[in-house]
Amino acid sequence: MSSVLTMSPSKVVADAIEDLRQALKEDAEKGGQRGWELLMKFDQYTTRAWMATNQQKPPNTTTPDPTRPPFNTSTINFLETMNG
């Protein structure tokens, strides 16, 4: 069983956006542009499209994490319905 199935929808979504959230927080606290540049990299996507296409890897690794996007349409529908 995928570890994503054992996580709450809120946790899955929070983990999916954590890298961006952390980078924007660092921009606000320390100055800088890394968070803004990362945000602009994905600005062309809706959240659903981003979750379906963006392959994320944990920091300092080349191995994709199954608890991070991309997610299939059924998973995205479930997250959208249950996150809240």
PDB file of N, CA and C in Angstrom:
ATOM      1  N   MET A   1       0.840  -1.184   0.000  1.00  0.00           N
ATOM      2  CA  MET A   1       0.000   0.000   0.000  1.00  0.00           C
ATOM      3  C   MET A   1       0.882   1.242   0.000  1.00  0.00           C
ATOM      4  N   SER A   2       0.509   2.194  -0.820  1.00  0.00           N
ATOM      5  CA  SER A   2       1.240   3.452  -0.883  1.00  0.00           C
ATOM      6  C   SER A   2       1.091   4.205   0.428  1.00  0.00           C
ATOM      7  N   SER A   3       2.171   4.824   0.872  1.00  0.00           N
ATOM      8  CA  SER A   3       2.116   5.574   2.124  1.00  0.00           C
ATOM      9  C   SER A   3       1.165   6.761   2.039  1.00  0.00           C
ATOM     10  N   VAL A   4       0.907   7.244   0.828  1.00  0.00           N
ATOM     11  CA  VAL A   4      -0.016   8.372   0.686  1.00  0.00           C
ATOM     12  C   VAL A   4      -1.428   7.967   1.128  1.00  0.00           C
ATOM     13  N   LEU A   5      -1.764   6.695   1.010  1.00  0.00           N
ATOM     14  CA  LEU A   5      -3.100   6.239   1.394  1.00  0.00           C
ATOM     15  C   LEU A   5      -3.298   6.232   2.900  1.00  0.00           C
ATOM     16  N   THR A   6      -2.226   6.289   3.661  1.00  0.00           N
ATOM     17  CA  THR A   6      -2.334   6.288   5.117  1.00  0.00           C
ATOM     18  C   THR A   6      -2.338   7.695   5.694  1.00  0.00           C
ATOM     19  N   MET A   7      -2.187   8.689   4.836  1.00  0.00           N
ATOM     20  CA  MET A   7      -2.117  10.085   5.275  1.00  0.00           C
ATOM     21  C   MET A   7      -3.472  10.764   5.121  1.00  0.00           C
ATOM     22  N   SER A   8      -3.749  11.745   5.971  1.00  0.00           N
ATOM     23  CA  SER A   8      -4.976  12.522   5.811  1.00  0.00           C
ATOM     24  C   SER A   8      -4.857  13.387   4.561  1.00  0.00           C
ATOM     25  N   PRO A   9      -5.985  13.720   3.927  1.00  0.00           N
ATOM     26  CA  PRO A   9      -5.931  14.604   2.756  1.00  0.00           C
ATOM     27  C   PRO A   9      -5.228  15.931   3.043  1.00  0.00           C
ATOM     28  N   SER A  10      -5.481  16.506   4.206  1.00  0.00           N
ATOM     29  CA  SER A  10      -4.824  17.776   4.555  1.00  0.00           C
ATOM     30  C   SER A  10      -3.314  17.623   4.613  1.00  0.00           C
ATOM     31  N   LYS A  11      -2.844  16.500   5.144  1.00  0.00           N
ATOM     32  CA  LYS A  11      -1.405  16.245   5.234  1.00  0.00           C
ATOM     33  C   LYS A  11      -0.801  16.064   3.844  1.00  0.00           C
ATOM     34  N   VAL A  12      -1.496  15.356   2.964  1.00  0.00           N
ATOM     35  CA  VAL A  12      -0.996  15.156   1.603  1.00  0.00           C
ATOM     36  C   VAL A  12      -0.840  16.504   0.900  1.00  0.00           C
ATOM     37  N   VAL A  13      -1.859  17.347   0.996  1.00  0.00           N
ATOM     38  CA  VAL A  13      -1.800  18.661   0.339  1.00  0.00           C
ATOM     39  C   VAL A  13      -0.715  19.521   0.980  1.00  0.00           C
ATOM     40  N   ALA A  14      -0.632  19.525   2.303  1.00  0.00           N
ATOM     41  CA  ALA A  14       0.397  20.310   2.990  1.00  0.00           C
ATOM     42  C   ALA A  14       1.796  19.865   2.569  1.00  0.00           C
ATOM     43  N   ASP A  15       2.009  18.558   2.505  1.00  0.00           N
ATOM     44  CA  ASP A  15       3.310  18.050   2.084  1.00  0.00           C
ATOM     45  C   ASP A  15       3.603  18.401   0.628  1.00  0.00           C
ATOM     46  N   ALA A  16       2.577  18.384  -0.202  1.00  0.00           N
ATOM     47  CA  ALA A  16       2.762  18.678  -1.630  1.00  0.00           C
ATOM     48  C   ALA A  16       3.247  20.102  -1.855  1.00  0.00           C
ATOM     49  N   ILE A  17       2.799  21.036  -1.023  1.00  0.00           N
ATOM     50  CA  ILE A  17       3.182  22.439  -1.209  1.00  0.00           C
ATOM     51  C   ILE A  17       4.271  22.899  -0.240  1.00  0.00           C
ATOM     52  N   GLU A  18       4.801  21.989   0.557  1.00  0.00           N
ATOM     53  CA  GLU A  18       5.753  22.369   1.608  1.00  0.00           C
ATOM     54  C   GLU A  18       7.003  23.058   1.059  1.00  0.00           C
ATOM     55  N   ASP A  19       7.587  22.548  -0.009  1.00  0.00           N
ATOM     56  CA  ASP A  19       8.809  23.165  -0.545  1.00  0.00           C
ATOM     57  C   ASP A  19       8.555  24.617  -0.948  1.00  0.00           C
ATOM     58  N   LEU A  20       7.440  24.865  -1.607  1.00  0.00           N
ATOM     59  CA  LEU A  20       7.089  26.224  -2.016  1.00  0.00           C
ATOM     60  C   LEU A  20       6.802  27.090  -0.794  1.00  0.00           C
ATOM     61  N   ARG A  21       6.039  26.571   0.133  1.00  0.00           N
ATOM     62  CA  ARG A  21       5.709  27.323   1.342  1.00  0.00           C
ATOM     63  C   ARG A  21       6.969  27.723   2.101  1.00  0.00           C
ATOM     64  N   GLN A  22       7.880  26.779   2.244  1.00  0.00           N
ATOM     65  CA  GLN A  22       9.120  27.042   2.974  1.00  0.00           C
ATOM     66  C   GLN A  22       9.972  28.087   2.252  1.00  0.00           C
ATOM     67  N   ALA A  23      10.059  27.990   0.936  1.00  0.00           N
ATOM     68  CA  ALA A  23      10.851  28.952   0.164  1.00  0.00           C
ATOM     69  C   ALA A  23      10.256  30.352   0.266  1.00  0.00           C
ATOM     70  N   LEU A  24       8.935  30.472   0.209  1.00  0.00           N
ATOM     71  CA  LEU A  24       8.295  31.791   0.332  1.00  0.00           C
ATOM     72  C   LEU A  24       8.473  32.353   1.740  1.00  0.00           C
ATOM     73  N   LYS A  25       8.418  31.482   2.735  1.00  0.00           N
ATOM     74  CA  LYS A  25       8.644  31.916   4.119  1.00  0.00           C
ATOM     75  C   LYS A  25      10.062  32.469   4.279  1.00  0.00           C
ATOM     76  N   GLU A  26      11.036  31.771   3.696  1.00  0.00           N
ATOM     77  CA  GLU A  26      12.423  32.252   3.755  1.00  0.00           C
ATOM     78  C   GLU A  26      12.573  33.595   3.045  1.00  0.00           C
ATOM     79  N   ASP A  27      11.890  33.756   1.913  1.00  0.00           N
ATOM     80  CA  ASP A  27      11.922  35.048   1.214  1.00  0.00           C
ATOM     81  C   ASP A  27      11.422  36.151   2.133  1.00  0.00           C
ATOM     82  N   ALA A  28      10.318  35.898   2.822  1.00  0.00           N
ATOM     83  CA  ALA A  28       9.709  36.915   3.679  1.00  0.00           C
ATOM     84  C   ALA A  28      10.581  37.219   4.896  1.00  0.00           C
ATOM     85  N   GLU A  29      11.204  36.199   5.451  1.00  0.00           N
ATOM     86  CA  GLU A  29      11.988  36.386   6.674  1.00  0.00           C
ATOM     87  C   GLU A  29      13.394  36.916   6.418  1.00  0.00           C
ATOM     88  N   LYS A  30      14.009  36.478   5.322  1.00  0.00           N
ATOM     89  CA  LYS A  30      15.415  36.789   5.097  1.00  0.00           C
ATOM     90  C   LYS A  30      15.674  37.596   3.835  1.00  0.00           C
ATOM     91  N   GLY A  31      14.619  37.862   3.097  1.00  0.00           N
ATOM     92  CA  GLY A  31      14.819  38.480   1.796  1.00  0.00           C
ATOM     93  C   GLY A  31      15.207  37.399   0.805  1.00  0.00           C
ATOM     94  N   GLY A  32      15.239  37.730  -0.421  1.00  0.00           N
ATOM     95  CA  GLY A  32      15.609  36.740  -1.419  1.00  0.00           C
ATOM     96  C   GLY A  32      14.494  36.527  -2.415  1.00  0.00           C
ATOM     97  N   GLN A  33      14.765  35.702  -3.385  1.00  0.00           N
ATOM     98  CA  GLN A  33      13.826  35.495  -4.485  1.00  0.00           C
ATOM     99  C   GLN A  33      13.525  34.029  -4.774  1.00  0.00           C
ATOM    100  N   ARG A  34      14.110  33.094  -4.031  1.00  0.00           N
ATOM    101  CA  ARG A  34      13.953  31.682  -4.354  1.00  0.00           C
ATOM    102  C   ARG A  34      12.493  31.256  -4.349  1.00  0.00           C
ATOM    103  N   GLY A  35      11.745  31.638  -3.347  1.00  0.00           N
ATOM    104  CA  GLY A  35      10.332  31.276  -3.268  1.00  0.00           C
ATOM    105  C   GLY A  35       9.533  31.885  -4.402  1.00  0.00           C
ATOM    106  N   TRP A  36       9.787  33.146  -4.678  1.00  0.00           N
ATOM    107  CA  TRP A  36       9.079  33.820  -5.771  1.00  0.00           C
ATOM    108  C   TRP A  36       9.387  33.152  -7.107  1.00  0.00           C
ATOM    109  N   GLU A  37      10.644  32.841  -7.340  1.00  0.00           N
ATOM    110  CA  GLU A  37      11.033  32.194  -8.592  1.00  0.00           C
ATOM    111  C   GLU A  37      10.399  30.811  -8.724  1.00  0.00           C
ATOM    112  N   LEU A  38      10.331  30.081  -7.619  1.00  0.00           N
ATOM    113  CA  LEU A  38       9.679  28.771  -7.642  1.00  0.00           C
ATOM    114  C   LEU A  38       8.190  28.919  -7.929  1.00  0.00           C
ATOM    115  N   LEU A  39       7.553  29.904  -7.312  1.00  0.00           N
ATOM    116  CA  LEU A  39       6.141  30.163  -7.559  1.00  0.00           C
ATOM    117  C   LEU A  39       5.897  30.507  -9.029  1.00  0.00           C
ATOM    118  N   MET A  40       6.743  31.356  -9.591  1.00  0.00           N
ATOM    119  CA  MET A  40       6.579  31.748 -10.990  1.00  0.00           C
ATOM    120  C   MET A  40       6.812  30.573 -11.950  1.00  0.00           C
ATOM    121  N   LYS A  41       7.640  29.631 -11.539  1.00  0.00           N
ATOM    122  CA  LYS A  41       7.879  28.441 -12.362  1.00  0.00           C
ATOM    123  C   LYS A  41       6.581  27.656 -12.578  1.00  0.00           C
ATOM    124  N   PHE A  42       5.697  27.689 -11.598  1.00  0.00           N
ATOM    125  CA  PHE A  42       4.458  26.922 -11.674  1.00  0.00           C
ATOM    126  C   PHE A  42       3.214  27.795 -11.844  1.00  0.00           C
ATOM    127  N   ASP A  43       3.399  29.088 -12.041  1.00  0.00           N
ATOM    128  CA  ASP A  43       2.276  30.018 -12.124  1.00  0.00           C
ATOM    129  C   ASP A  43       1.324  29.716 -13.273  1.00  0.00           C
ATOM    130  N   GLN A  44       1.814  29.085 -14.302  1.00  0.00           N
ATOM    131  CA  GLN A  44       0.977  28.776 -15.469  1.00  0.00           C
ATOM    132  C   GLN A  44      -0.039  27.671 -15.199  1.00  0.00           C
ATOM    133  N   TYR A  45       0.115  26.945 -14.122  1.00  0.00           N
ATOM    134  CA  TYR A  45      -0.749  25.807 -13.829  1.00  0.00           C
ATOM    135  C   TYR A  45      -1.856  26.156 -12.848  1.00  0.00           C
ATOM    136  N   THR A  46      -3.020  25.505 -13.003  1.00  0.00           N
ATOM    137  CA  THR A  46      -3.994  25.503 -11.922  1.00  0.00           C
ATOM    138  C   THR A  46      -3.455  24.547 -10.865  1.00  0.00           C
ATOM    139  N   THR A  47      -4.010  24.584  -9.676  1.00  0.00           N
ATOM    140  CA  THR A  47      -3.562  23.661  -8.633  1.00  0.00           C
ATOM    141  C   THR A  47      -3.749  22.223  -9.079  1.00  0.00           C
ATOM    142  N   ARG A  48      -4.897  21.940  -9.689  1.00  0.00           N
ATOM    143  CA  ARG A  48      -5.161  20.572 -10.170  1.00  0.00           C
ATOM    144  C   ARG A  48      -4.129  20.140 -11.211  1.00  0.00           C
ATOM    145  N   ALA A  49      -3.827  21.016 -12.156  1.00  0.00           N
ATOM    146  CA  ALA A  49      -2.852  20.676 -13.192  1.00  0.00           C
ATOM    147  C   ALA A  49      -1.466  20.480 -12.589  1.00  0.00           C
ATOM    148  N   TRP A  50      -1.104  21.321 -11.659  1.00  0.00           N
ATOM    149  CA  TRP A  50       0.186  21.195 -10.989  1.00  0.00           C
ATOM    150  C   TRP A  50       0.280  19.868 -10.246  1.00  0.00           C
ATOM    151  N   MET A  51      -0.781  19.493  -9.548  1.00  0.00           N
ATOM    152  CA  MET A  51      -0.767  18.232  -8.797  1.00  0.00           C
ATOM    153  C   MET A  51      -0.748  17.022  -9.727  1.00  0.00           C
ATOM    154  N   ALA A  52      -1.203  17.192 -10.957  1.00  0.00           N
ATOM    155  CA  ALA A  52      -1.223  16.081 -11.912  1.00  0.00           C
ATOM    156  C   ALA A  52       0.084  15.967 -12.698  1.00  0.00           C
ATOM    157  N   THR A  53       0.848  17.037 -12.797  1.00  0.00           N
ATOM    158  CA  THR A  53       2.014  17.014 -13.684  1.00  0.00           C
ATOM    159  C   THR A  53       3.346  17.224 -12.996  1.00  0.00           C
ATOM    160  N   ASN A  54       3.376  17.857 -11.864  1.00  0.00           N
ATOM    161  CA  ASN A  54       4.643  18.220 -11.252  1.00  0.00           C
ATOM    162  C   ASN A  54       5.243  17.054 -10.475  1.00  0.00           C
ATOM    163  N   GLN A  55       6.367  16.529 -10.938  1.00  0.00           N
ATOM    164  CA  GLN A  55       7.050  15.468 -10.200  1.00  0.00           C
ATOM    165  C   GLN A  55       7.974  16.111  -9.180  1.00  0.00           C
ATOM    166  N   GLN A  56       7.702  15.871  -7.930  1.00  0.00           N
ATOM    167  CA  GLN A  56       8.519  16.442  -6.870  1.00  0.00           C
ATOM    168  C   GLN A  56       9.417  15.376  -6.273  1.00  0.00           C
ATOM    169  N   LYS A  57      10.569  15.814  -5.856  1.00  0.00           N
ATOM    170  CA  LYS A  57      11.499  14.936  -5.160  1.00  0.00           C
ATOM    171  C   LYS A  57      11.847  15.607  -3.829  1.00  0.00           C
ATOM    172  N   PRO A  58      11.988  14.817  -2.793  1.00  0.00           N
ATOM    173  CA  PRO A  58      12.411  15.417  -1.524  1.00  0.00           C
ATOM    174  C   PRO A  58      13.743  16.144  -1.703  1.00  0.00           C
ATOM    175  N   PRO A  59      13.994  17.164  -0.897  1.00  0.00           N
ATOM    176  CA  PRO A  59      15.266  17.886  -1.007  1.00  0.00           C
ATOM    177  C   PRO A  59      16.459  16.933  -0.883  1.00  0.00           C
ATOM    178  N   ASN A  60      17.502  17.208  -1.632  1.00  0.00           N
ATOM    179  CA  ASN A  60      18.761  16.461  -1.584  1.00  0.00           C
ATOM    180  C   ASN A  60      18.637  14.996  -1.984  1.00  0.00           C
ATOM    181  N   THR A  61      17.726  14.687  -2.882  1.00  0.00           N
ATOM    182  CA  THR A  61      17.600  13.318  -3.375  1.00  0.00           C
ATOM    183  C   THR A  61      17.162  13.347  -4.833  1.00  0.00           C
ATOM    184  N   THR A  62      17.375  12.274  -5.519  1.00  0.00           N
ATOM    185  CA  THR A  62      16.904  12.159  -6.900  1.00  0.00           C
ATOM    186  C   THR A  62      15.762  11.162  -6.998  1.00  0.00           C
ATOM    187  N   THR A  63      15.313  10.638  -5.873  1.00  0.00           N
ATOM    188  CA  THR A  63      14.256   9.636  -5.854  1.00  0.00           C
ATOM    189  C   THR A  63      12.900  10.295  -5.663  1.00  0.00           C
ATOM    190  N   PRO A  64      11.965  10.110  -6.583  1.00  0.00           N
ATOM    191  CA  PRO A  64      10.622  10.658  -6.397  1.00  0.00           C
ATOM    192  C   PRO A  64       9.964  10.108  -5.132  1.00  0.00           C
ATOM    193  N   ASP A  65       9.178  10.899  -4.490  1.00  0.00           N
ATOM    194  CA  ASP A  65       8.474  10.525  -3.273  1.00  0.00           C
ATOM    195  C   ASP A  65       7.018  10.268  -3.642  1.00  0.00           C
ATOM    196  N   PRO A  66       6.480   9.064  -3.388  1.00  0.00           N
ATOM    197  CA  PRO A  66       5.106   8.759  -3.791  1.00  0.00           C
ATOM    198  C   PRO A  66       4.047   9.569  -3.043  1.00  0.00           C
ATOM    199  N   THR A  67       4.445  10.260  -1.978  1.00  0.00           N
ATOM    200  CA  THR A  67       3.476  11.093  -1.266  1.00  0.00           C
ATOM    201  C   THR A  67       3.429  12.506  -1.827  1.00  0.00           C
ATOM    202  N   ARG A  68       4.184  12.767  -2.890  1.00  0.00           N
ATOM    203  CA  ARG A  68       4.201  14.074  -3.522  1.00  0.00           C
ATOM    204  C   ARG A  68       3.700  13.953  -4.956  1.00  0.00           C
ATOM    205  N   PRO A  69       3.253  15.045  -5.549  1.00  0.00           N
ATOM    206  CA  PRO A  69       2.769  14.984  -6.932  1.00  0.00           C
ATOM    207  C   PRO A  69       3.812  14.379  -7.858  1.00  0.00           C
ATOM    208  N   PRO A  70       3.446  13.818  -8.999  1.00  0.00           N
ATOM    209  CA  PRO A  70       2.103  13.891  -9.581  1.00  0.00           C
ATOM    210  C   PRO A  70       1.168  12.848  -8.977  1.00  0.00           C
ATOM    211  N   PHE A  71      -0.094  13.243  -8.890  1.00  0.00           N
ATOM    212  CA  PHE A  71      -1.155  12.348  -8.444  1.00  0.00           C
ATOM    213  C   PHE A  71      -2.089  12.078  -9.605  1.00  0.00           C
ATOM    214  N   ASN A  72      -2.740  10.924  -9.575  1.00  0.00           N
ATOM    215  CA  ASN A  72      -3.710  10.635 -10.630  1.00  0.00           C
ATOM    216  C   ASN A  72      -5.000  11.416 -10.373  1.00  0.00           C
ATOM    217  N   THR A  73      -5.872  11.444 -11.354  1.00  0.00           N
ATOM    218  CA  THR A  73      -7.101  12.241 -11.270  1.00  0.00           C
ATOM    219  C   THR A  73      -7.980  11.818 -10.108  1.00  0.00           C
ATOM    220  N   SER A  74      -8.091  10.534  -9.852  1.00  0.00           N
ATOM    221  CA  SER A  74      -8.918  10.059  -8.735  1.00  0.00           C
ATOM    222  C   SER A  74      -8.392  10.582  -7.401  1.00  0.00           C
ATOM    223  N   THR A  75      -7.086  10.573  -7.237  1.00  0.00           N
ATOM    224  CA  THR A  75      -6.496  11.078  -5.998  1.00  0.00           C
ATOM    225  C   THR A  75      -6.729  12.574  -5.867  1.00  0.00           C
ATOM    226  N   ILE A  76      -6.548  13.315  -6.950  1.00  0.00           N
ATOM    227  CA  ILE A  76      -6.770  14.762  -6.913  1.00  0.00           C
ATOM    228  C   ILE A  76      -8.224  15.070  -6.586  1.00  0.00           C
ATOM    229  N   ASN A  77      -9.165  14.351  -7.188  1.00  0.00           N
ATOM    230  CA  ASN A  77     -10.589  14.553  -6.880  1.00  0.00           C
ATOM    231  C   ASN A  77     -10.857  14.304  -5.409  1.00  0.00           C
ATOM    232  N   PHE A  78     -10.280  13.231  -4.870  1.00  0.00           N
ATOM    233  CA  PHE A  78     -10.467  12.903  -3.455  1.00  0.00           C
ATOM    234  C   PHE A  78      -9.883  13.999  -2.570  1.00  0.00           C
ATOM    235  N   LEU A  79      -8.668  14.438  -2.876  1.00  0.00           N
ATOM    236  CA  LEU A  79      -8.034  15.488  -2.083  1.00  0.00           C
ATOM    237  C   LEU A  79      -8.847  16.770  -2.123  1.00  0.00           C
ATOM    238  N   GLU A  80      -9.353  17.117  -3.301  1.00  0.00           N
ATOM    239  CA  GLU A  80     -10.138  18.325  -3.447  1.00  0.00           C
ATOM    240  C   GLU A  80     -11.442  18.249  -2.637  1.00  0.00           C
ATOM    241  N   THR A  81     -12.032  17.069  -2.610  1.00  0.00           N
ATOM    242  CA  THR A  81     -13.298  16.869  -1.888  1.00  0.00           C
ATOM    243  C   THR A  81     -13.093  16.834  -0.375  1.00  0.00           C
ATOM    244  N   MET A  82     -12.016  16.183   0.070  1.00  0.00           N
ATOM    245  CA  MET A  82     -11.838  15.917   1.487  1.00  0.00           C
ATOM    246  C   MET A  82     -10.934  16.899   2.221  1.00  0.00           C
ATOM    247  N   ASN A  83     -10.121  17.665   1.506  1.00  0.00           N
ATOM    248  CA  ASN A  83      -9.209  18.600   2.184  1.00  0.00           C
ATOM    249  C   ASN A  83     -10.006  19.773   2.736  1.00  0.00           C
ATOM    250  N   GLY A  84      -9.760  20.071   3.974  1.00  0.00           N
ATOM    251  CA  GLY A  84     -10.476  21.217   4.408  1.00  0.00           C
ATOM    252  C   GLY A  84     -10.403  21.544   5.808  1.00  0.00           C
TER     253      GLY A  84
END
